[in-house]
Every structure is written in C-alpha cells, then in structure tokens.
C-alpha cells in the first residue's frame, strides 16, 4: 500500500467517526449552589445554599451566555460538549493527515536548476 493510499485510508476512517457523532455544542456544564440573600432562610446558615442547579455557560459573539438546565438537559448538553471535543480532536488529526498528504507530493526542483531562465 502506497503512502498516499495509507493517508487516504486514515483520513476517510476519521471522516466516518465524525458521521457517527451526535449533536455538538460548546460550553461547560456545572452544578452550583446559591444563597438567596434572605437573612431568615436556612441557606444563610448553611454553607451550601440552595441547589444544586445545573448551569450551562457558553460564549456567543464574545459574550458569556448562562442558562439553568434541568438534570436531563444538563446530561444532554454535556453529551453535546463531549461530542464537540471529540470532533475537534478528529479534525486536528485530519488536518495533520492533510499536511502529510500534501507534503508527500513534494516535487524535486533540483532538476530545474540547470534550466535557463526565460
């Protein structure tokens, strides 16, 4: 198998991995506890506060967007974020293979050294 064939095989195998990924998104999901600020509430004495709340943060047009999610939504968002990270890893591998593919076609310019300039 030639170098070109091997690079193409690896590249298209990565493409198939992308096809199998589900929805993608960016951001992070975390569980937080919040204090309400009411001095008579138990959270003012409790270190934790109310919660946990599932918080999803992401950047949109250079602004941070924050959403409170249900547990089900938080799992879904985390799965989409994980898929995005997998895709970014696969895309980096595809870029690396593309560079190797291009460089495998280097032309030997030493033959042209003896040619006259036009």
PDB file of N, CA and C in Angstrom:
ATOM      1  N   UNK A   1       0.845  -1.180   0.000  1.00  0.00           N
ATOM      2  CA  UNK A   1       0.000   0.000   0.000  1.00  0.00           C
ATOM      3  C   UNK A   1       0.889   1.241   0.000  1.00  0.00           C
ATOM      4  N   UNK A   2       0.610   2.160  -0.891  1.00  0.00           N
ATOM      5  CA  UNK A   2       1.424   3.369  -1.001  1.00  0.00           C
ATOM      6  C   UNK A   2       1.128   4.313   0.158  1.00  0.00           C
ATOM      7  N   UNK A   3       2.021   5.265   0.358  1.00  0.00           N
ATOM      8  CA  UNK A   3       1.859   6.284   1.404  1.00  0.00           C
ATOM      9  C   UNK A   3       0.558   7.050   1.187  1.00  0.00           C
ATOM     10  N   UNK A   4       0.298   7.403  -0.076  1.00  0.00           N
ATOM     11  CA  UNK A   4      -0.921   8.138  -0.428  1.00  0.00           C
ATOM     12  C   UNK A   4      -2.155   7.328  -0.036  1.00  0.00           C
ATOM     13  N   UNK A   5      -2.160   6.045  -0.370  1.00  0.00           N
ATOM     14  CA  UNK A   5      -3.297   5.176  -0.048  1.00  0.00           C
ATOM     15  C   UNK A   5      -3.501   5.056   1.463  1.00  0.00           C
ATOM     16  N   UNK A   6      -2.409   4.934   2.191  1.00  0.00           N
ATOM     17  CA  UNK A   6      -2.483   4.818   3.651  1.00  0.00           C
ATOM     18  C   UNK A   6      -3.048   6.101   4.274  1.00  0.00           C
ATOM     19  N   UNK A   7      -2.598   7.252   3.795  1.00  0.00           N
ATOM     20  CA  UNK A   7      -3.099   8.529   4.310  1.00  0.00           C
ATOM     21  C   UNK A   7      -4.583   8.688   4.003  1.00  0.00           C
ATOM     22  N   UNK A   8      -4.983   8.314   2.789  1.00  0.00           N
ATOM     23  CA  UNK A   8      -6.402   8.402   2.413  1.00  0.00           C
ATOM     24  C   UNK A   8      -7.249   7.468   3.279  1.00  0.00           C
ATOM     25  N   UNK A   9      -6.762   6.272   3.548  1.00  0.00           N
ATOM     26  CA  UNK A   9      -7.490   5.310   4.374  1.00  0.00           C
ATOM     27  C   UNK A   9      -7.714   5.881   5.775  1.00  0.00           C
ATOM     28  N   UNK A  10      -6.660   6.429   6.366  1.00  0.00           N
ATOM     29  CA  UNK A  10      -6.764   7.007   7.707  1.00  0.00           C
ATOM     30  C   UNK A  10      -7.718   8.209   7.711  1.00  0.00           C
ATOM     31  N   UNK A  11      -7.604   9.053   6.692  1.00  0.00           N
ATOM     32  CA  UNK A  11      -8.439  10.254   6.596  1.00  0.00           C
ATOM     33  C   UNK A  11      -9.927   9.890   6.528  1.00  0.00           C
ATOM     34  N   UNK A  12     -10.272   8.951   5.662  1.00  0.00           N
ATOM     35  CA  UNK A  12     -11.677   8.593   5.497  1.00  0.00           C
ATOM     36  C   UNK A  12     -12.217   7.802   6.692  1.00  0.00           C
ATOM     37  N   UNK A  13     -11.338   7.114   7.415  1.00  0.00           N
ATOM     38  CA  UNK A  13     -11.760   6.455   8.653  1.00  0.00           C
ATOM     39  C   UNK A  13     -12.150   7.512   9.694  1.00  0.00           C
ATOM     40  N   UNK A  14     -11.391   8.604   9.742  1.00  0.00           N
ATOM     41  CA  UNK A  14     -11.719   9.700  10.654  1.00  0.00           C
ATOM     42  C   UNK A  14     -13.034  10.373  10.259  1.00  0.00           C
ATOM     43  N   UNK A  15     -13.237  10.510   8.944  1.00  0.00           N
ATOM     44  CA  UNK A  15     -14.493  11.095   8.458  1.00  0.00           C
ATOM     45  C   UNK A  15     -15.696  10.270   8.901  1.00  0.00           C
ATOM     46  N   UNK A  16     -15.553   8.962   8.872  1.00  0.00           N
ATOM     47  CA  UNK A  16     -16.642   8.084   9.306  1.00  0.00           C
ATOM     48  C   UNK A  16     -16.926   8.258  10.802  1.00  0.00           C
ATOM     49  N   UNK A  17     -15.871   8.522  11.582  1.00  0.00           N
ATOM     50  CA  UNK A  17     -16.070   8.770  13.012  1.00  0.00           C
ATOM     51  C   UNK A  17     -16.910  10.021  13.231  1.00  0.00           C
ATOM     52  N   UNK A  18     -16.665  11.047  12.429  1.00  0.00           N
ATOM     53  CA  UNK A  18     -17.447  12.288  12.543  1.00  0.00           C
ATOM     54  C   UNK A  18     -18.912  12.007  12.219  1.00  0.00           C
ATOM     55  N   UNK A  19     -19.145  11.192  11.200  1.00  0.00           N
ATOM     56  CA  UNK A  19     -20.515  10.852  10.814  1.00  0.00           C
ATOM     57  C   UNK A  19     -21.290  10.213  11.967  1.00  0.00           C
ATOM     58  N   UNK A  20     -20.594   9.521  12.850  1.00  0.00           N
ATOM     59  CA  UNK A  20     -21.253   8.808  13.945  1.00  0.00           C
ATOM     60  C   UNK A  20     -21.525   9.697  15.160  1.00  0.00           C
ATOM     61  N   UNK A  21     -20.901  10.880  15.199  1.00  0.00           N
ATOM     62  CA  UNK A  21     -21.126  11.780  16.332  1.00  0.00           C
ATOM     63  C   UNK A  21     -22.538  12.352  16.273  1.00  0.00           C
ATOM     64  N   UNK A  22     -23.068  12.638  17.434  1.00  0.00           N
ATOM     65  CA  UNK A  22     -24.386  13.257  17.506  1.00  0.00           C
ATOM     66  C   UNK A  22     -24.275  14.773  17.482  1.00  0.00           C
ATOM     67  N   UNK A  23     -25.229  15.423  18.109  1.00  0.00           N
ATOM     68  CA  UNK A  23     -25.245  16.881  18.181  1.00  0.00           C
ATOM     69  C   UNK A  23     -24.004  17.390  18.894  1.00  0.00           C
ATOM     70  N   UNK A  24     -23.601  18.607  18.557  1.00  0.00           N
ATOM     71  CA  UNK A  24     -22.418  19.215  19.163  1.00  0.00           C
ATOM     72  C   UNK A  24     -22.752  20.615  19.662  1.00  0.00           C
ATOM     73  N   UNK A  25     -22.050  21.036  20.700  1.00  0.00           N
ATOM     74  CA  UNK A  25     -22.134  22.422  21.166  1.00  0.00           C
ATOM     75  C   UNK A  25     -20.909  22.713  22.025  1.00  0.00           C
ATOM     76  N   UNK A  26     -20.734  23.980  22.320  1.00  0.00           N
ATOM     77  CA  UNK A  26     -19.610  24.407  23.137  1.00  0.00           C
ATOM     78  C   UNK A  26     -20.111  24.795  24.528  1.00  0.00           C
ATOM     79  N   UNK A  27     -19.189  25.024  25.414  1.00  0.00           N
ATOM     80  CA  UNK A  27     -19.531  25.495  26.745  1.00  0.00           C
ATOM     81  C   UNK A  27     -19.120  24.515  27.816  1.00  0.00           C
ATOM     82  N   UNK A  28     -19.668  24.754  28.998  1.00  0.00           N
ATOM     83  CA  UNK A  28     -19.424  23.843  30.114  1.00  0.00           C
ATOM     84  C   UNK A  28     -20.684  23.780  30.977  1.00  0.00           C
ATOM     85  N   UNK A  29     -20.860  22.631  31.601  1.00  0.00           N
ATOM     86  CA  UNK A  29     -21.996  22.398  32.483  1.00  0.00           C
ATOM     87  C   UNK A  29     -21.441  22.124  33.871  1.00  0.00           C
ATOM     88  N   UNK A  30     -22.022  22.782  34.880  1.00  0.00           N
ATOM     89  CA  UNK A  30     -21.579  22.551  36.256  1.00  0.00           C
ATOM     90  C   UNK A  30     -22.763  22.622  37.208  1.00  0.00           C
ATOM     91  N   UNK A  31     -22.612  22.002  38.344  1.00  0.00           N
ATOM     92  CA  UNK A  31     -23.619  22.065  39.401  1.00  0.00           C
ATOM     93  C   UNK A  31     -23.174  23.139  40.390  1.00  0.00           C
ATOM     94  N   UNK A  32     -24.101  24.038  40.731  1.00  0.00           N
ATOM     95  CA  UNK A  32     -23.773  25.110  41.684  1.00  0.00           C
ATOM     96  C   UNK A  32     -24.850  25.197  42.761  1.00  0.00           C
ATOM     97  N   UNK A  33     -24.453  25.723  43.891  1.00  0.00           N
ATOM     98  CA  UNK A  33     -25.363  26.026  44.993  1.00  0.00           C
ATOM     99  C   UNK A  33     -25.370  27.540  45.150  1.00  0.00           C
ATOM    100  N   UNK A  34     -26.536  28.109  45.436  1.00  0.00           N
ATOM    101  CA  UNK A  34     -26.656  29.566  45.548  1.00  0.00           C
ATOM    102  C   UNK A  34     -27.343  29.947  46.846  1.00  0.00           C
ATOM    103  N   UNK A  35     -26.943  31.086  47.367  1.00  0.00           N
ATOM    104  CA  UNK A  35     -27.615  31.657  48.535  1.00  0.00           C
ATOM    105  C   UNK A  35     -28.591  32.718  48.031  1.00  0.00           C
ATOM    106  N   UNK A  36     -29.785  32.725  48.629  1.00  0.00           N
ATOM    107  CA  UNK A  36     -30.828  33.620  48.132  1.00  0.00           C
ATOM    108  C   UNK A  36     -30.708  35.036  48.685  1.00  0.00           C
ATOM    109  N   UNK A  37     -30.014  35.231  49.789  1.00  0.00           N
ATOM    110  CA  UNK A  37     -29.859  36.563  50.353  1.00  0.00           C
ATOM    111  C   UNK A  37     -30.881  36.893  51.434  1.00  0.00           C
ATOM    112  N   UNK A  38     -31.876  36.040  51.611  1.00  0.00           N
ATOM    113  CA  UNK A  38     -32.885  36.240  52.648  1.00  0.00           C
ATOM    114  C   UNK A  38     -32.262  35.863  53.994  1.00  0.00           C
ATOM    115  N   UNK A  39     -32.142  36.824  54.940  1.00  0.00           N
ATOM    116  CA  UNK A  39     -31.478  36.524  56.214  1.00  0.00           C
ATOM    117  C   UNK A  39     -32.186  35.458  57.042  1.00  0.00           C
ATOM    118  N   UNK A  40     -33.486  35.251  56.853  1.00  0.00           N
ATOM    119  CA  UNK A  40     -34.219  34.252  57.615  1.00  0.00           C
ATOM    120  C   UNK A  40     -34.183  32.870  56.993  1.00  0.00           C
ATOM    121  N   UNK A  41     -33.609  32.739  55.823  1.00  0.00           N
ATOM    122  CA  UNK A  41     -33.589  31.459  55.108  1.00  0.00           C
ATOM    123  C   UNK A  41     -32.485  30.567  55.665  1.00  0.00           C
ATOM    124  N   UNK A  42     -32.706  29.256  55.577  1.00  0.00           N
ATOM    125  CA  UNK A  42     -31.712  28.296  56.059  1.00  0.00           C
ATOM    126  C   UNK A  42     -30.388  28.414  55.313  1.00  0.00           C
ATOM    127  N   UNK A  43     -30.440  28.915  54.070  1.00  0.00           N
ATOM    128  CA  UNK A  43     -29.200  28.993  53.282  1.00  0.00           C
ATOM    129  C   UNK A  43     -28.224  30.021  53.848  1.00  0.00           C
ATOM    130  N   UNK A  44     -28.724  30.973  54.638  1.00  0.00           N
ATOM    131  CA  UNK A  44     -27.816  31.963  55.221  1.00  0.00           C
ATOM    132  C   UNK A  44     -26.929  31.328  56.284  1.00  0.00           C
ATOM    133  N   UNK A  45     -27.394  30.215  56.891  1.00  0.00           N
ATOM    134  CA  UNK A  45     -26.610  29.497  57.908  1.00  0.00           C
ATOM    135  C   UNK A  45     -25.898  28.284  57.313  1.00  0.00           C
ATOM    136  N   UNK A  46     -26.419  27.787  56.211  1.00  0.00           N
ATOM    137  CA  UNK A  46     -25.893  26.598  55.549  1.00  0.00           C
ATOM    138  C   UNK A  46     -24.777  27.023  54.592  1.00  0.00           C
ATOM    139  N   UNK A  47     -23.671  26.312  54.609  1.00  0.00           N
ATOM    140  CA  UNK A  47     -22.564  26.661  53.706  1.00  0.00           C
ATOM    141  C   UNK A  47     -22.920  26.453  52.244  1.00  0.00           C
ATOM    142  N   UNK A  48     -23.731  25.437  51.975  1.00  0.00           N
ATOM    143  CA  UNK A  48     -24.047  25.105  50.583  1.00  0.00           C
ATOM    144  C   UNK A  48     -24.979  26.113  49.937  1.00  0.00           C
ATOM    145  N   UNK A  49     -26.098  26.364  50.555  1.00  0.00           N
ATOM    146  CA  UNK A  49     -27.103  27.208  49.929  1.00  0.00           C
ATOM    147  C   UNK A  49     -28.146  26.356  49.233  1.00  0.00           C
ATOM    148  N   UNK A  50     -28.906  26.949  48.337  1.00  0.00           N
ATOM    149  CA  UNK A  50     -29.944  26.237  47.588  1.00  0.00           C
ATOM    150  C   UNK A  50     -29.314  25.531  46.392  1.00  0.00           C
ATOM    151  N   UNK A  51     -29.928  24.435  46.021  1.00  0.00           N
ATOM    152  CA  UNK A  51     -29.434  23.754  44.837  1.00  0.00           C
ATOM    153  C   UNK A  51     -29.306  22.273  45.083  1.00  0.00           C
ATOM    154  N   UNK A  52     -28.603  21.576  44.269  1.00  0.00           N
ATOM    155  CA  UNK A  52     -27.753  22.096  43.196  1.00  0.00           C
ATOM    156  C   UNK A  52     -28.557  22.497  41.957  1.00  0.00           C
ATOM    157  N   UNK A  53     -28.034  23.508  41.263  1.00  0.00           N
ATOM    158  CA  UNK A  53     -28.590  23.949  39.994  1.00  0.00           C
ATOM    159  C   UNK A  53     -27.602  23.568  38.893  1.00  0.00           C
ATOM    160  N   UNK A  54     -28.128  23.126  37.777  1.00  0.00           N
ATOM    161  CA  UNK A  54     -27.291  22.795  36.621  1.00  0.00           C
ATOM    162  C   UNK A  54     -27.142  24.051  35.772  1.00  0.00           C
ATOM    163  N   UNK A  55     -25.916  24.542  35.678  1.00  0.00           N
ATOM    164  CA  UNK A  55     -25.646  25.775  34.950  1.00  0.00           C
ATOM    165  C   UNK A  55     -24.813  25.460  33.707  1.00  0.00           C
ATOM    166  N   UNK A  56     -25.261  25.970  32.561  1.00  0.00           N
ATOM    167  CA  UNK A  56     -24.546  25.809  31.287  1.00  0.00           C
ATOM    168  C   UNK A  56     -24.085  27.194  30.859  1.00  0.00           C
ATOM    169  N   UNK A  57     -22.783  27.344  30.653  1.00  0.00           N
ATOM    170  CA  UNK A  57     -22.238  28.611  30.162  1.00  0.00           C
ATOM    171  C   UNK A  57     -21.544  28.365  28.833  1.00  0.00           C
ATOM    172  N   UNK A  58     -21.657  29.348  27.956  1.00  0.00           N
ATOM    173  CA  UNK A  58     -21.003  29.279  26.647  1.00  0.00           C
ATOM    174  C   UNK A  58     -20.832  30.692  26.122  1.00  0.00           C
ATOM    175  N   UNK A  59     -19.966  30.838  25.137  1.00  0.00           N
ATOM    176  CA  UNK A  59     -19.707  32.139  24.508  1.00  0.00           C
ATOM    177  C   UNK A  59     -20.494  32.239  23.211  1.00  0.00           C
ATOM    178  N   UNK A  60     -21.176  33.366  23.025  1.00  0.00           N
ATOM    179  CA  UNK A  60     -21.873  33.677  21.790  1.00  0.00           C
ATOM    180  C   UNK A  60     -21.517  35.114  21.428  1.00  0.00           C
ATOM    181  N   UNK A  61     -20.850  35.294  20.291  1.00  0.00           N
ATOM    182  CA  UNK A  61     -20.408  36.626  19.856  1.00  0.00           C
ATOM    183  C   UNK A  61     -19.638  37.345  20.959  1.00  0.00           C
ATOM    184  N   UNK A  62     -18.686  36.660  21.553  1.00  0.00           N
ATOM    185  CA  UNK A  62     -17.804  37.190  22.601  1.00  0.00           C
ATOM    186  C   UNK A  62     -18.523  37.521  23.909  1.00  0.00           C
ATOM    187  N   UNK A  63     -19.746  37.094  24.069  1.00  0.00           N
ATOM    188  CA  UNK A  63     -20.480  37.317  25.310  1.00  0.00           C
ATOM    189  C   UNK A  63     -20.772  35.967  25.962  1.00  0.00           C
ATOM    190  N   UNK A  64     -20.685  35.935  27.281  1.00  0.00           N
ATOM    191  CA  UNK A  64     -20.981  34.709  28.010  1.00  0.00           C
ATOM    192  C   UNK A  64     -22.486  34.592  28.216  1.00  0.00           C
ATOM    193  N   UNK A  65     -23.033  33.465  27.795  1.00  0.00           N
ATOM    194  CA  UNK A  65     -24.455  33.164  27.957  1.00  0.00           C
ATOM    195  C   UNK A  65     -24.559  32.082  29.031  1.00  0.00           C
ATOM    196  N   UNK A  66     -25.429  32.290  30.005  1.00  0.00           N
ATOM    197  CA  UNK A  66     -25.616  31.328  31.089  1.00  0.00           C
ATOM    198  C   UNK A  66     -27.069  30.903  31.126  1.00  0.00           C
ATOM    199  N   UNK A  67     -27.295  29.595  31.237  1.00  0.00           N
ATOM    200  CA  UNK A  67     -28.647  29.040  31.307  1.00  0.00           C
ATOM    201  C   UNK A  67     -28.710  28.036  32.447  1.00  0.00           C
ATOM    202  N   UNK A  68     -29.835  28.013  33.125  1.00  0.00           N
ATOM    203  CA  UNK A  68     -30.096  26.992  34.127  1.00  0.00           C
ATOM    204  C   UNK A  68     -30.849  25.866  33.427  1.00  0.00           C
ATOM    205  N   UNK A  69     -30.370  24.640  33.624  1.00  0.00           N
ATOM    206  CA  UNK A  69     -30.934  23.482  32.936  1.00  0.00           C
ATOM    207  C   UNK A  69     -31.525  22.479  33.917  1.00  0.00           C
ATOM    208  N   UNK A  70     -32.454  21.681  33.420  1.00  0.00           N
ATOM    209  CA  UNK A  70     -32.926  20.538  34.202  1.00  0.00           C
ATOM    210  C   UNK A  70     -31.815  19.489  34.181  1.00  0.00           C
ATOM    211  N   UNK A  71     -31.942  18.482  35.018  1.00  0.00           N
ATOM    212  CA  UNK A  71     -30.933  17.403  35.044  1.00  0.00           C
ATOM    213  C   UNK A  71     -30.831  16.716  33.688  1.00  0.00           C
ATOM    214  N   UNK A  72     -31.971  16.488  33.054  1.00  0.00           N
ATOM    215  CA  UNK A  72     -31.983  15.849  31.740  1.00  0.00           C
ATOM    216  C   UNK A  72     -31.299  16.724  30.695  1.00  0.00           C
ATOM    217  N   UNK A  73     -31.603  18.013  30.722  1.00  0.00           N
ATOM    218  CA  UNK A  73     -30.967  18.938  29.782  1.00  0.00           C
ATOM    219  C   UNK A  73     -29.458  19.014  30.027  1.00  0.00           C
ATOM    220  N   UNK A  74     -29.054  18.992  31.299  1.00  0.00           N
ATOM    221  CA  UNK A  74     -27.629  19.061  31.644  1.00  0.00           C
ATOM    222  C   UNK A  74     -26.880  17.855  31.082  1.00  0.00           C
ATOM    223  N   UNK A  75     -27.473  16.673  31.191  1.00  0.00           N
ATOM    224  CA  UNK A  75     -26.845  15.461  30.629  1.00  0.00           C
ATOM    225  C   UNK A  75     -26.732  15.572  29.117  1.00  0.00           C
ATOM    226  N   UNK A  76     -27.792  16.063  28.489  1.00  0.00           N
ATOM    227  CA  UNK A  76     -27.791  16.238  27.039  1.00  0.00           C
ATOM    228  C   UNK A  76     -26.734  17.254  26.607  1.00  0.00           C
ATOM    229  N   UNK A  77     -26.676  18.391  27.309  1.00  0.00           N
ATOM    230  CA  UNK A  77     -25.682  19.421  26.980  1.00  0.00           C
ATOM    231  C   UNK A  77     -24.266  18.882  27.159  1.00  0.00           C
ATOM    232  N   UNK A  78     -24.031  18.138  28.245  1.00  0.00           N
ATOM    233  CA  UNK A  78     -22.696  17.582  28.481  1.00  0.00           C
ATOM    234  C   UNK A  78     -22.315  16.602  27.378  1.00  0.00           C
ATOM    235  N   UNK A  79     -23.274  15.806  26.928  1.00  0.00           N
ATOM    236  CA  UNK A  79     -23.021  14.874  25.829  1.00  0.00           C
ATOM    237  C   UNK A  79     -22.646  15.636  24.549  1.00  0.00           C
ATOM    238  N   UNK A  80     -23.359  16.720  24.267  1.00  0.00           N
ATOM    239  CA  UNK A  80     -23.061  17.538  23.080  1.00  0.00           C
ATOM    240  C   UNK A  80     -21.680  18.179  23.184  1.00  0.00           C
ATOM    241  N   UNK A  81     -21.321  18.638  24.380  1.00  0.00           N
ATOM    242  CA  UNK A  81     -19.989  19.228  24.611  1.00  0.00           C
ATOM    243  C   UNK A  81     -18.908  18.172  24.414  1.00  0.00           C
ATOM    244  N   UNK A  82     -19.143  16.970  24.946  1.00  0.00           N
ATOM    245  CA  UNK A  82     -18.181  15.866  24.762  1.00  0.00           C
ATOM    246  C   UNK A  82     -18.021  15.530  23.281  1.00  0.00           C
ATOM    247  N   UNK A  83     -19.128  15.528  22.534  1.00  0.00           N
ATOM    248  CA  UNK A  83     -19.066  15.267  21.091  1.00  0.00           C
ATOM    249  C   UNK A  83     -18.251  16.350  20.382  1.00  0.00           C
ATOM    250  N   UNK A  84     -18.399  17.588  20.810  1.00  0.00           N
ATOM    251  CA  UNK A  84     -17.640  18.689  20.206  1.00  0.00           C
ATOM    252  C   UNK A  84     -16.141  18.485  20.431  1.00  0.00           C
ATOM    253  N   UNK A  85     -15.780  18.086  21.624  1.00  0.00           N
ATOM    254  CA  UNK A  85     -14.356  17.854  21.929  1.00  0.00           C
ATOM    255  C   UNK A  85     -13.801  16.698  21.092  1.00  0.00           C
ATOM    256  N   UNK A  86     -14.610  15.654  20.927  1.00  0.00           N
ATOM    257  CA  UNK A  86     -14.192  14.535  20.076  1.00  0.00           C
ATOM    258  C   UNK A  86     -14.007  15.011  18.640  1.00  0.00           C
ATOM    259  N   UNK A  87     -14.946  15.840  18.164  1.00  0.00           N
ATOM    260  CA  UNK A  87     -14.859  16.341  16.792  1.00  0.00           C
ATOM    261  C   UNK A  87     -13.615  17.203  16.608  1.00  0.00           C
ATOM    262  N   UNK A  88     -13.327  18.062  17.570  1.00  0.00           N
ATOM    263  CA  UNK A  88     -12.135  18.906  17.468  1.00  0.00           C
ATOM    264  C   UNK A  88     -10.871  18.057  17.397  1.00  0.00           C
ATOM    265  N   UNK A  89     -10.817  16.976  18.177  1.00  0.00           N
ATOM    266  CA  UNK A  89      -9.671  16.071  18.150  1.00  0.00           C
ATOM    267  C   UNK A  89      -9.558  15.396  16.779  1.00  0.00           C
ATOM    268  N   UNK A  90     -10.680  14.929  16.256  1.00  0.00           N
ATOM    269  CA  UNK A  90     -10.690  14.272  14.944  1.00  0.00           C
ATOM    270  C   UNK A  90     -10.277  15.254  13.854  1.00  0.00           C
ATOM    271  N   UNK A  91     -10.796  16.481  13.913  1.00  0.00           N
ATOM    272  CA  UNK A  91     -10.445  17.492  12.905  1.00  0.00           C
ATOM    273  C   UNK A  91      -8.950  17.809  12.932  1.00  0.00           C
ATOM    274  N   UNK A  92      -8.356  17.852  14.134  1.00  0.00           N
ATOM    275  CA  UNK A  92      -6.917  18.091  14.215  1.00  0.00           C
ATOM    276  C   UNK A  92      -6.146  16.950  13.553  1.00  0.00           C
ATOM    277  N   UNK A  93      -6.579  15.717  13.788  1.00  0.00           N
ATOM    278  CA  UNK A  93      -5.932  14.574  13.144  1.00  0.00           C
ATOM    279  C   UNK A  93      -6.085  14.654  11.624  1.00  0.00           C
ATOM    280  N   UNK A  94      -7.263  15.080  11.156  1.00  0.00           N
ATOM    281  CA  UNK A  94      -7.499  15.208   9.713  1.00  0.00           C
ATOM    282  C   UNK A  94      -6.598  16.293   9.113  1.00  0.00           C
ATOM    283  N   UNK A  95      -6.424  17.392   9.843  1.00  0.00           N
ATOM    284  CA  UNK A  95      -5.532  18.454   9.353  1.00  0.00           C
ATOM    285  C   UNK A  95      -4.100  17.952   9.264  1.00  0.00           C
ATOM    286  N   UNK A  96      -3.669  17.209  10.290  1.00  0.00           N
ATOM    287  CA  UNK A  96      -2.309  16.658  10.285  1.00  0.00           C
ATOM    288  C   UNK A  96      -2.110  15.696   9.114  1.00  0.00           C
ATOM    289  N   UNK A  97      -3.101  14.844   8.868  1.00  0.00           N
ATOM    290  CA  UNK A  97      -3.012  13.915   7.735  1.00  0.00           C
ATOM    291  C   UNK A  97      -2.996  14.674   6.405  1.00  0.00           C
ATOM    292  N   UNK A  98      -3.768  15.752   6.318  1.00  0.00           N
ATOM    293  CA  UNK A  98      -3.809  16.546   5.088  1.00  0.00           C
ATOM    294  C   UNK A  98      -2.443  17.160   4.789  1.00  0.00           C
ATOM    295  N   UNK A  99      -1.760  17.620   5.829  1.00  0.00           N
ATOM    296  CA  UNK A  99      -0.418  18.180   5.643  1.00  0.00           C
ATOM    297  C   UNK A  99       0.519  17.090   5.127  1.00  0.00           C
ATOM    298  N   UNK A 100       0.441  15.915   5.738  1.00  0.00           N
ATOM    299  CA  UNK A 100       1.281  14.802   5.280  1.00  0.00           C
ATOM    300  C   UNK A 100       0.958  14.436   3.835  1.00  0.00           C
ATOM    301  N   UNK A 101      -0.316  14.461   3.505  1.00  0.00           N
ATOM    302  CA  UNK A 101      -0.762  14.138   2.144  1.00  0.00           C
ATOM    303  C   UNK A 101      -0.173  15.127   1.133  1.00  0.00           C
ATOM    304  N   UNK A 102      -0.268  16.403   1.464  1.00  0.00           N
ATOM    305  CA  UNK A 102       0.276  17.443   0.576  1.00  0.00           C
ATOM    306  C   UNK A 102       1.785  17.309   0.459  1.00  0.00           C
ATOM    307  N   UNK A 103       2.453  17.121   1.597  1.00  0.00           N
ATOM    308  CA  UNK A 103       3.915  17.034   1.579  1.00  0.00           C
ATOM    309  C   UNK A 103       4.419  15.760   0.910  1.00  0.00           C
ATOM    310  N   UNK A 104       3.596  14.755   0.814  1.00  0.00           N
ATOM    311  CA  UNK A 104       4.026  13.527   0.139  1.00  0.00           C
ATOM    312  C   UNK A 104       4.134  13.741  -1.371  1.00  0.00           C
ATOM    313  N   UNK A 105       3.622  14.848  -1.857  1.00  0.00           N
ATOM    314  CA  UNK A 105       3.682  15.169  -3.283  1.00  0.00           C
ATOM    315  C   UNK A 105       4.729  16.231  -3.593  1.00  0.00           C
ATOM    316  N   UNK A 106       5.726  16.369  -2.743  1.00  0.00           N
ATOM    317  CA  UNK A 106       6.779  17.355  -2.986  1.00  0.00           C
ATOM    318  C   UNK A 106       7.464  17.067  -4.314  1.00  0.00           C
ATOM    319  N   UNK A 107       7.657  18.136  -5.059  1.00  0.00           N
ATOM    320  CA  UNK A 107       8.328  17.999  -6.344  1.00  0.00           C
ATOM    321  C   UNK A 107       9.821  18.231  -6.141  1.00  0.00           C
ATOM    322  N   UNK A 108      10.608  17.467  -6.811  1.00  0.00           N
ATOM    323  CA  UNK A 108      12.050  17.633  -6.734  1.00  0.00           C
ATOM    324  C   UNK A 108      12.452  18.730  -7.714  1.00  0.00           C
ATOM    325  N   UNK A 109      12.773  19.905  -7.169  1.00  0.00           N
ATOM    326  CA  UNK A 109      13.118  21.052  -8.001  1.00  0.00           C
ATOM    327  C   UNK A 109      14.586  21.040  -8.431  1.00  0.00           C
ATOM    328  N   UNK A 110      15.368  20.095  -7.963  1.00  0.00           N
ATOM    329  CA  UNK A 110      16.784  20.058  -8.324  1.00  0.00           C
ATOM    330  C   UNK A 110      16.965  19.853  -9.835  1.00  0.00           C
ATOM    331  N   UNK A 111      16.016  19.246 -10.503  1.00  0.00           N
ATOM    332  CA  UNK A 111      16.074  19.031 -11.951  1.00  0.00           C
ATOM    333  C   UNK A 111      15.986  20.367 -12.677  1.00  0.00           C
ATOM    334  N   UNK A 112      15.226  21.307 -12.128  1.00  0.00           N
ATOM    335  CA  UNK A 112      15.006  22.605 -12.770  1.00  0.00           C
ATOM    336  C   UNK A 112      16.177  23.558 -12.598  1.00  0.00           C
ATOM    337  N   UNK A 113      17.172  23.244 -11.766  1.00  0.00           N
ATOM    338  CA  UNK A 113      18.281  24.156 -11.531  1.00  0.00           C
ATOM    339  C   UNK A 113      19.083  24.440 -12.794  1.00  0.00           C
ATOM    340  N   UNK A 114      19.199  23.456 -13.672  1.00  0.00           N
ATOM    341  CA  UNK A 114      20.008  23.607 -14.878  1.00  0.00           C
ATOM    342  C   UNK A 114      19.236  24.257 -16.019  1.00  0.00           C
ATOM    343  N   UNK A 115      17.965  24.491 -15.851  1.00  0.00           N
ATOM    344  CA  UNK A 115      17.158  25.136 -16.902  1.00  0.00           C
ATOM    345  C   UNK A 115      17.504  26.607 -17.006  1.00  0.00           C
ATOM    346  N   UNK A 116      17.402  27.105 -18.204  1.00  0.00           N
ATOM    347  CA  UNK A 116      17.643  28.534 -18.394  1.00  0.00           C
ATOM    348  C   UNK A 116      16.405  29.303 -17.976  1.00  0.00           C
ATOM    349  N   UNK A 117      16.660  30.505 -17.462  1.00  0.00           N
ATOM    350  CA  UNK A 117      15.539  31.373 -17.093  1.00  0.00           C
ATOM    351  C   UNK A 117      14.994  32.008 -18.350  1.00  0.00           C
ATOM    352  N   UNK A 118      13.691  32.114 -18.451  1.00  0.00           N
ATOM    353  CA  UNK A 118      13.044  32.689 -19.630  1.00  0.00           C
ATOM    354  C   UNK A 118      12.767  34.137 -19.392  1.00  0.00           C
TER     355      UNK A 118
END
